[in-house]
């Protein structure tokens, strides 16, 4: 499909897992894709995969928590039509504990990546979208932020910033042809996640569809939101969660 031919898309944290699949799907739909990652080897590996499949892609190596680095590398990539703020700390890598037992020294990593990351990237990409009169911004969030999950309060709080940013920006830029949305994820079957583990099996009891999320589930939602069929959808948080329930 060539629905996105002529568009440029930049996906942060796209060197692996969900971000990599989003990059592949948007490239398959015709977009020229910027594969952002903190590590050059991961970004280049995904770029090579996309090119081997006939798509167009470039590595965009930068730490999204560093505004100056984002401005420089995004500028080298070129005008951005589609921005997907995907970079984040996977929940599988978080030590779960009561908030009162958390070490405040750990908070900064979550705030830097989940709050400043989308702020830095969106602030950098948005002026060009406004100038051209078209754009799509999507921030990947978490069901932990949307409905609340215990033992990961700081993670949840930091992930709640992205949807709030999207809702506010949607009202600012909607008349300029730009939509801003968030996708809220339940637990994903990322590399290293064991779907048969005690933790995973306990989580699956809360899902109507009893499996962990797959990268393709998220990429399909992103592809819809950036396409013409979703042009009237903005300021929304879309759960991609297997029917996750809180009780």
C-alpha atoms as a PDB file:
ATOM      1  CA  UNK A   1       0.000   0.000   0.000  1.00  0.00           C
ATOM      2  CA  UNK A   2       1.247   3.486  -0.827  1.00  0.00           C
ATOM      3  CA  UNK A   3      -1.062   5.589   1.305  1.00  0.00           C
ATOM      4  CA  UNK A   4       1.908   7.330   2.940  1.00  0.00           C
ATOM      5  CA  UNK A   5       4.039   7.815  -0.184  1.00  0.00           C
ATOM      6  CA  UNK A   6       5.704  11.202  -0.030  1.00  0.00           C
ATOM      7  CA  UNK A   7       5.395  11.440   3.753  1.00  0.00           C
ATOM      8  CA  UNK A   8       8.250  11.279   6.222  1.00  0.00           C
ATOM      9  CA  UNK A   9       7.795   9.500   9.545  1.00  0.00           C
ATOM     10  CA  UNK A  10      10.102   9.484  12.534  1.00  0.00           C
ATOM     11  CA  UNK A  11       9.651   6.836  15.214  1.00  0.00           C
ATOM     12  CA  UNK A  12      11.589   7.168  18.456  1.00  0.00           C
ATOM     13  CA  UNK A  13      12.921   4.082  20.193  1.00  0.00           C
ATOM     14  CA  UNK A  14      12.545   2.205  16.906  1.00  0.00           C
ATOM     15  CA  UNK A  15      15.598   0.004  17.144  1.00  0.00           C
ATOM     16  CA  UNK A  16      13.647  -2.913  18.600  1.00  0.00           C
ATOM     17  CA  UNK A  17      10.277  -4.306  19.676  1.00  0.00           C
ATOM     18  CA  UNK A  18       7.176  -2.138  19.098  1.00  0.00           C
ATOM     19  CA  UNK A  19       9.057   0.812  17.615  1.00  0.00           C
ATOM     20  CA  UNK A  20      10.803  -1.346  15.030  1.00  0.00           C
ATOM     21  CA  UNK A  21       7.502  -2.848  13.882  1.00  0.00           C
ATOM     22  CA  UNK A  22       5.904   0.587  13.604  1.00  0.00           C
ATOM     23  CA  UNK A  23       8.825   1.661  11.419  1.00  0.00           C
ATOM     24  CA  UNK A  24       8.451  -1.415   9.202  1.00  0.00           C
ATOM     25  CA  UNK A  25       4.702  -0.972   8.754  1.00  0.00           C
ATOM     26  CA  UNK A  26       4.857   2.732   7.930  1.00  0.00           C
ATOM     27  CA  UNK A  27       7.688   2.101   5.472  1.00  0.00           C
ATOM     28  CA  UNK A  28       5.641  -0.651   3.827  1.00  0.00           C
ATOM     29  CA  UNK A  29       2.872   1.924   3.361  1.00  0.00           C
ATOM     30  CA  UNK A  30       5.229   4.219   1.485  1.00  0.00           C
ATOM     31  CA  UNK A  31       6.638   6.564   4.107  1.00  0.00           C
ATOM     32  CA  UNK A  32      10.298   7.445   4.322  1.00  0.00           C
ATOM     33  CA  UNK A  33      11.064   6.419   7.878  1.00  0.00           C
ATOM     34  CA  UNK A  34      13.539   7.797  10.375  1.00  0.00           C
ATOM     35  CA  UNK A  35      14.523   5.027  12.764  1.00  0.00           C
ATOM     36  CA  UNK A  36      15.535   6.704  16.010  1.00  0.00           C
ATOM     37  CA  UNK A  37      17.381   4.879  18.707  1.00  0.00           C
ATOM     38  CA  UNK A  38      19.969   5.627  21.347  1.00  0.00           C
ATOM     39  CA  UNK A  39      22.185   2.879  19.901  1.00  0.00           C
ATOM     40  CA  UNK A  40      23.391   3.140  16.300  1.00  0.00           C
ATOM     41  CA  UNK A  41      23.650  -0.611  15.724  1.00  0.00           C
ATOM     42  CA  UNK A  42      19.990  -1.177  16.608  1.00  0.00           C
ATOM     43  CA  UNK A  43      18.793   1.678  14.393  1.00  0.00           C
ATOM     44  CA  UNK A  44      20.941   0.559  11.469  1.00  0.00           C
ATOM     45  CA  UNK A  45      19.746  -3.044  11.753  1.00  0.00           C
ATOM     46  CA  UNK A  46      16.097  -1.967  11.390  1.00  0.00           C
ATOM     47  CA  UNK A  47      17.004   0.375   8.539  1.00  0.00           C
ATOM     48  CA  UNK A  48      18.676  -2.495   6.702  1.00  0.00           C
ATOM     49  CA  UNK A  49      15.585  -4.670   7.170  1.00  0.00           C
ATOM     50  CA  UNK A  50      13.330  -1.960   5.768  1.00  0.00           C
ATOM     51  CA  UNK A  51      15.573  -1.314   2.791  1.00  0.00           C
ATOM     52  CA  UNK A  52      15.837  -5.037   2.069  1.00  0.00           C
ATOM     53  CA  UNK A  53      12.032  -5.133   1.886  1.00  0.00           C
ATOM     54  CA  UNK A  54      12.009  -2.281  -0.630  1.00  0.00           C
ATOM     55  CA  UNK A  55      11.268   0.556   1.775  1.00  0.00           C
ATOM     56  CA  UNK A  56      13.015   3.837   2.502  1.00  0.00           C
ATOM     57  CA  UNK A  57      14.615   4.451   5.878  1.00  0.00           C
ATOM     58  CA  UNK A  58      17.431   6.327   7.580  1.00  0.00           C
ATOM     59  CA  UNK A  59      18.987   5.887  11.031  1.00  0.00           C
ATOM     60  CA  UNK A  60      18.434   8.828  13.382  1.00  0.00           C
ATOM     61  CA  UNK A  61      20.674   8.204  16.375  1.00  0.00           C
ATOM     62  CA  UNK A  62      19.929  10.495  19.313  1.00  0.00           C
ATOM     63  CA  UNK A  63      18.989  10.514  22.973  1.00  0.00           C
ATOM     64  CA  UNK A  64      15.448  11.899  23.012  1.00  0.00           C
ATOM     65  CA  UNK A  65      16.004  13.294  26.506  1.00  0.00           C
ATOM     66  CA  UNK A  66      18.617  15.680  25.041  1.00  0.00           C
ATOM     67  CA  UNK A  67      16.855  18.579  23.294  1.00  0.00           C
ATOM     68  CA  UNK A  68      19.955  19.801  21.471  1.00  0.00           C
ATOM     69  CA  UNK A  69      20.664  16.316  20.112  1.00  0.00           C
ATOM     70  CA  UNK A  70      17.051  15.917  19.001  1.00  0.00           C
ATOM     71  CA  UNK A  71      17.069  19.259  17.202  1.00  0.00           C
ATOM     72  CA  UNK A  72      20.322  18.472  15.413  1.00  0.00           C
ATOM     73  CA  UNK A  73      19.552  14.911  14.310  1.00  0.00           C
ATOM     74  CA  UNK A  74      15.919  15.520  13.418  1.00  0.00           C
ATOM     75  CA  UNK A  75      17.018  18.500  11.346  1.00  0.00           C
ATOM     76  CA  UNK A  76      19.484  16.343   9.437  1.00  0.00           C
ATOM     77  CA  UNK A  77      16.741  13.790   8.709  1.00  0.00           C
ATOM     78  CA  UNK A  78      14.525  16.476   7.203  1.00  0.00           C
ATOM     79  CA  UNK A  79      10.940  17.735   7.579  1.00  0.00           C
ATOM     80  CA  UNK A  80       8.831  15.340   9.645  1.00  0.00           C
ATOM     81  CA  UNK A  81       5.202  14.715   8.703  1.00  0.00           C
ATOM     82  CA  UNK A  82       4.548  11.897  11.186  1.00  0.00           C
ATOM     83  CA  UNK A  83       6.078  11.678  14.642  1.00  0.00           C
ATOM     84  CA  UNK A  84       5.615   8.635  16.866  1.00  0.00           C
ATOM     85  CA  UNK A  85       6.887   9.167  20.404  1.00  0.00           C
ATOM     86  CA  UNK A  86       7.560   5.552  21.268  1.00  0.00           C
ATOM     87  CA  UNK A  87      10.848   5.595  23.226  1.00  0.00           C
ATOM     88  CA  UNK A  88      10.356   4.489  26.799  1.00  0.00           C
ATOM     89  CA  UNK A  89      11.364   2.185  29.609  1.00  0.00           C
ATOM     90  CA  UNK A  90       9.508  -1.127  29.132  1.00  0.00           C
ATOM     91  CA  UNK A  91       7.425  -2.161  32.109  1.00  0.00           C
ATOM     92  CA  UNK A  92       9.148  -5.542  32.059  1.00  0.00           C
ATOM     93  CA  UNK A  93      12.348  -3.808  33.098  1.00  0.00           C
ATOM     94  CA  UNK A  94      10.865  -1.995  36.098  1.00  0.00           C
ATOM     95  CA  UNK A  95      11.247  -3.140  39.666  1.00  0.00           C
ATOM     96  CA  UNK A  96       7.756  -3.155  41.157  1.00  0.00           C
ATOM     97  CA  UNK A  97       7.459  -1.768  44.675  1.00  0.00           C
ATOM     98  CA  UNK A  98       5.256   0.450  46.804  1.00  0.00           C
ATOM     99  CA  UNK A  99       5.665   4.149  46.123  1.00  0.00           C
ATOM    100  CA  UNK A 100       6.722   4.848  49.712  1.00  0.00           C
ATOM    101  CA  UNK A 101       9.564   2.366  49.251  1.00  0.00           C
ATOM    102  CA  UNK A 102      10.826   3.869  45.990  1.00  0.00           C
ATOM    103  CA  UNK A 103      14.202   5.554  45.873  1.00  0.00           C
ATOM    104  CA  UNK A 104      13.577   9.138  44.664  1.00  0.00           C
ATOM    105  CA  UNK A 105      16.881   8.935  42.811  1.00  0.00           C
ATOM    106  CA  UNK A 106      15.153   6.618  40.303  1.00  0.00           C
ATOM    107  CA  UNK A 107      12.440   9.110  39.375  1.00  0.00           C
ATOM    108  CA  UNK A 108      14.535  11.232  37.030  1.00  0.00           C
ATOM    109  CA  UNK A 109      15.021   8.444  34.468  1.00  0.00           C
ATOM    110  CA  UNK A 110      11.260   8.051  34.071  1.00  0.00           C
ATOM    111  CA  UNK A 111      10.586  11.772  33.870  1.00  0.00           C
ATOM    112  CA  UNK A 112      13.413  12.404  31.424  1.00  0.00           C
ATOM    113  CA  UNK A 113      12.332   9.692  28.988  1.00  0.00           C
ATOM    114  CA  UNK A 114       8.534   9.659  29.328  1.00  0.00           C
ATOM    115  CA  UNK A 115       7.960  13.387  29.869  1.00  0.00           C
ATOM    116  CA  UNK A 116      10.867  15.280  28.339  1.00  0.00           C
ATOM    117  CA  UNK A 117      11.234  12.806  25.472  1.00  0.00           C
ATOM    118  CA  UNK A 118       7.817  13.576  23.900  1.00  0.00           C
ATOM    119  CA  UNK A 119       8.200  17.273  24.778  1.00  0.00           C
ATOM    120  CA  UNK A 120      11.588  17.528  23.062  1.00  0.00           C
ATOM    121  CA  UNK A 121      10.589  15.571  19.961  1.00  0.00           C
ATOM    122  CA  UNK A 122       7.190  17.164  19.473  1.00  0.00           C
ATOM    123  CA  UNK A 123       8.510  20.680  20.031  1.00  0.00           C
ATOM    124  CA  UNK A 124      11.141  20.008  17.374  1.00  0.00           C
ATOM    125  CA  UNK A 125       8.856  18.439  14.747  1.00  0.00           C
ATOM    126  CA  UNK A 126       5.709  20.525  15.170  1.00  0.00           C
ATOM    127  CA  UNK A 127       6.812  23.845  13.572  1.00  0.00           C
ATOM    128  CA  UNK A 128       7.410  22.154  10.224  1.00  0.00           C
ATOM    129  CA  UNK A 129       4.004  20.464  10.372  1.00  0.00           C
ATOM    130  CA  UNK A 130       2.371  23.827  11.051  1.00  0.00           C
ATOM    131  CA  UNK A 131       4.234  25.374   8.132  1.00  0.00           C
ATOM    132  CA  UNK A 132       3.120  22.630   5.737  1.00  0.00           C
ATOM    133  CA  UNK A 133      -0.433  22.385   7.086  1.00  0.00           C
ATOM    134  CA  UNK A 134      -0.379  18.636   7.736  1.00  0.00           C
ATOM    135  CA  UNK A 135       0.923  16.384  10.448  1.00  0.00           C
ATOM    136  CA  UNK A 136       0.361  13.430  12.723  1.00  0.00           C
ATOM    137  CA  UNK A 137       1.738  13.099  16.257  1.00  0.00           C
ATOM    138  CA  UNK A 138       1.238   9.920  18.280  1.00  0.00           C
ATOM    139  CA  UNK A 139       2.583   9.234  21.748  1.00  0.00           C
ATOM    140  CA  UNK A 140       2.729   5.677  23.043  1.00  0.00           C
ATOM    141  CA  UNK A 141       1.489   5.499  26.634  1.00  0.00           C
ATOM    142  CA  UNK A 142       0.454   2.778  29.052  1.00  0.00           C
ATOM    143  CA  UNK A 143      -2.668   1.387  30.633  1.00  0.00           C
ATOM    144  CA  UNK A 144      -0.828   1.879  33.906  1.00  0.00           C
ATOM    145  CA  UNK A 145      -1.295   5.607  33.370  1.00  0.00           C
ATOM    146  CA  UNK A 146      -4.826   5.466  31.959  1.00  0.00           C
ATOM    147  CA  UNK A 147      -6.459   3.249  34.580  1.00  0.00           C
ATOM    148  CA  UNK A 148      -3.823   2.948  37.298  1.00  0.00           C
ATOM    149  CA  UNK A 149      -1.746  -0.003  38.412  1.00  0.00           C
ATOM    150  CA  UNK A 150      -0.212  -0.425  41.829  1.00  0.00           C
ATOM    151  CA  UNK A 151       3.485  -0.850  42.523  1.00  0.00           C
ATOM    152  CA  UNK A 152       4.571   1.234  39.500  1.00  0.00           C
ATOM    153  CA  UNK A 153       3.355   4.682  40.532  1.00  0.00           C
ATOM    154  CA  UNK A 154       6.250   6.705  39.149  1.00  0.00           C
ATOM    155  CA  UNK A 155       6.176   4.860  35.845  1.00  0.00           C
ATOM    156  CA  UNK A 156       2.420   5.430  35.597  1.00  0.00           C
ATOM    157  CA  UNK A 157       2.726   9.105  36.487  1.00  0.00           C
ATOM    158  CA  UNK A 158       5.398   9.714  33.867  1.00  0.00           C
ATOM    159  CA  UNK A 159       3.461   7.827  31.175  1.00  0.00           C
ATOM    160  CA  UNK A 160       0.414   9.985  31.896  1.00  0.00           C
ATOM    161  CA  UNK A 161       2.193  13.070  30.573  1.00  0.00           C
ATOM    162  CA  UNK A 162       2.099  11.981  26.932  1.00  0.00           C
ATOM    163  CA  UNK A 163      -1.700  11.701  26.604  1.00  0.00           C
ATOM    164  CA  UNK A 164      -2.101  15.033  28.419  1.00  0.00           C
ATOM    165  CA  UNK A 165       0.279  16.659  25.947  1.00  0.00           C
ATOM    166  CA  UNK A 166      -1.598  15.162  23.003  1.00  0.00           C
ATOM    167  CA  UNK A 167      -4.992  16.338  24.271  1.00  0.00           C
ATOM    168  CA  UNK A 168      -3.791  19.891  24.748  1.00  0.00           C
ATOM    169  CA  UNK A 169      -1.931  20.086  21.441  1.00  0.00           C
ATOM    170  CA  UNK A 170      -4.896  18.642  19.552  1.00  0.00           C
ATOM    171  CA  UNK A 171      -6.865  21.768  20.470  1.00  0.00           C
ATOM    172  CA  UNK A 172      -4.015  24.040  19.459  1.00  0.00           C
ATOM    173  CA  UNK A 173      -3.163  22.592  16.055  1.00  0.00           C
ATOM    174  CA  UNK A 174      -6.310  20.863  14.779  1.00  0.00           C
ATOM    175  CA  UNK A 175      -7.186  23.755  12.492  1.00  0.00           C
ATOM    176  CA  UNK A 176      -3.750  23.466  10.924  1.00  0.00           C
ATOM    177  CA  UNK A 177      -4.353  19.941   9.620  1.00  0.00           C
ATOM    178  CA  UNK A 178      -2.503  18.202  12.449  1.00  0.00           C
ATOM    179  CA  UNK A 179      -3.882  15.448  14.654  1.00  0.00           C
ATOM    180  CA  UNK A 180      -2.408  14.430  18.016  1.00  0.00           C
ATOM    181  CA  UNK A 181      -3.333  11.167  19.709  1.00  0.00           C
ATOM    182  CA  UNK A 182      -2.021   8.635  22.178  1.00  0.00           C
ATOM    183  CA  UNK A 183      -2.095   4.856  22.211  1.00  0.00           C
ATOM    184  CA  UNK A 184      -2.359   3.213  25.625  1.00  0.00           C
ATOM    185  CA  UNK A 185      -0.785  -0.236  25.840  1.00  0.00           C
ATOM    186  CA  UNK A 186      -1.258  -3.186  28.108  1.00  0.00           C
ATOM    187  CA  UNK A 187       1.727  -5.500  28.627  1.00  0.00           C
ATOM    188  CA  UNK A 188       3.614  -6.246  25.433  1.00  0.00           C
ATOM    189  CA  UNK A 189       5.368  -9.460  24.500  1.00  0.00           C
ATOM    190  CA  UNK A 190       8.723  -7.766  24.012  1.00  0.00           C
ATOM    191  CA  UNK A 191      12.056  -9.499  23.757  1.00  0.00           C
ATOM    192  CA  UNK A 192      12.826 -11.152  27.056  1.00  0.00           C
ATOM    193  CA  UNK A 193       9.212 -11.315  28.223  1.00  0.00           C
ATOM    194  CA  UNK A 194       8.104 -14.824  29.120  1.00  0.00           C
ATOM    195  CA  UNK A 195       4.382 -15.247  28.452  1.00  0.00           C
ATOM    196  CA  UNK A 196       4.402 -18.375  30.620  1.00  0.00           C
ATOM    197  CA  UNK A 197       5.958 -16.644  33.624  1.00  0.00           C
ATOM    198  CA  UNK A 198       4.003 -16.291  36.840  1.00  0.00           C
ATOM    199  CA  UNK A 199       3.843 -12.518  36.366  1.00  0.00           C
ATOM    200  CA  UNK A 200       2.534 -12.785  32.818  1.00  0.00           C
ATOM    201  CA  UNK A 201      -0.036 -15.467  33.674  1.00  0.00           C
ATOM    202  CA  UNK A 202      -1.339 -13.334  36.540  1.00  0.00           C
ATOM    203  CA  UNK A 203      -1.707 -10.350  34.208  1.00  0.00           C
ATOM    204  CA  UNK A 204      -3.454 -12.388  31.536  1.00  0.00           C
ATOM    205  CA  UNK A 205      -6.320 -13.164  33.914  1.00  0.00           C
ATOM    206  CA  UNK A 206      -7.335  -9.511  33.552  1.00  0.00           C
ATOM    207  CA  UNK A 207      -7.459  -9.647  29.730  1.00  0.00           C
ATOM    208  CA  UNK A 208     -10.528 -10.521  27.668  1.00  0.00           C
ATOM    209  CA  UNK A 209      -8.153 -11.752  24.951  1.00  0.00           C
ATOM    210  CA  UNK A 210      -5.778 -13.929  26.999  1.00  0.00           C
ATOM    211  CA  UNK A 211      -2.415 -13.121  25.461  1.00  0.00           C
ATOM    212  CA  UNK A 212       0.206 -10.420  25.725  1.00  0.00           C
ATOM    213  CA  UNK A 213       0.212  -7.647  23.148  1.00  0.00           C
ATOM    214  CA  UNK A 214       2.225  -8.065  19.969  1.00  0.00           C
ATOM    215  CA  UNK A 215       4.170  -5.353  18.184  1.00  0.00           C
ATOM    216  CA  UNK A 216       1.891  -5.765  15.179  1.00  0.00           C
ATOM    217  CA  UNK A 217      -1.152  -4.873  17.283  1.00  0.00           C
ATOM    218  CA  UNK A 218       0.370  -1.489  18.044  1.00  0.00           C
ATOM    219  CA  UNK A 219       1.724  -0.866  14.553  1.00  0.00           C
ATOM    220  CA  UNK A 220      -1.730  -1.478  13.055  1.00  0.00           C
ATOM    221  CA  UNK A 221      -3.255   1.136  15.357  1.00  0.00           C
ATOM    222  CA  UNK A 222      -0.531   3.634  14.497  1.00  0.00           C
ATOM    223  CA  UNK A 223      -0.990   3.007  10.773  1.00  0.00           C
ATOM    224  CA  UNK A 224      -4.700   3.754  11.109  1.00  0.00           C
ATOM    225  CA  UNK A 225      -4.185   6.932  13.109  1.00  0.00           C
ATOM    226  CA  UNK A 226      -1.681   8.401  10.642  1.00  0.00           C
ATOM    227  CA  UNK A 227      -3.798   7.552   7.604  1.00  0.00           C
ATOM    228  CA  UNK A 228      -6.577   9.510   5.936  1.00  0.00           C
ATOM    229  CA  UNK A 229      -9.305   7.337   7.467  1.00  0.00           C
ATOM    230  CA  UNK A 230      -8.501   8.768  10.920  1.00  0.00           C
ATOM    231  CA  UNK A 231      -8.268  12.412   9.877  1.00  0.00           C
ATOM    232  CA  UNK A 232     -11.179  13.330  12.217  1.00  0.00           C
ATOM    233  CA  UNK A 233      -9.687  11.542  15.227  1.00  0.00           C
ATOM    234  CA  UNK A 234      -7.633  13.798  17.486  1.00  0.00           C
ATOM    235  CA  UNK A 235      -7.043  14.398  21.172  1.00  0.00           C
ATOM    236  CA  UNK A 236      -7.861  10.775  21.946  1.00  0.00           C
ATOM    237  CA  UNK A 237      -6.222   8.005  23.936  1.00  0.00           C
ATOM    238  CA  UNK A 238      -6.819   4.708  22.139  1.00  0.00           C
ATOM    239  CA  UNK A 239      -6.460   1.584  24.350  1.00  0.00           C
ATOM    240  CA  UNK A 240      -4.745  -1.327  22.624  1.00  0.00           C
ATOM    241  CA  UNK A 241      -5.059  -3.667  25.525  1.00  0.00           C
ATOM    242  CA  UNK A 242      -6.721  -7.016  24.830  1.00  0.00           C
ATOM    243  CA  UNK A 243      -9.779  -5.924  26.799  1.00  0.00           C
ATOM    244  CA  UNK A 244      -7.762  -5.217  29.933  1.00  0.00           C
ATOM    245  CA  UNK A 245      -9.973  -4.842  32.996  1.00  0.00           C
ATOM    246  CA  UNK A 246      -9.171  -3.219  36.329  1.00  0.00           C
ATOM    247  CA  UNK A 247     -11.143  -5.647  38.481  1.00  0.00           C
END
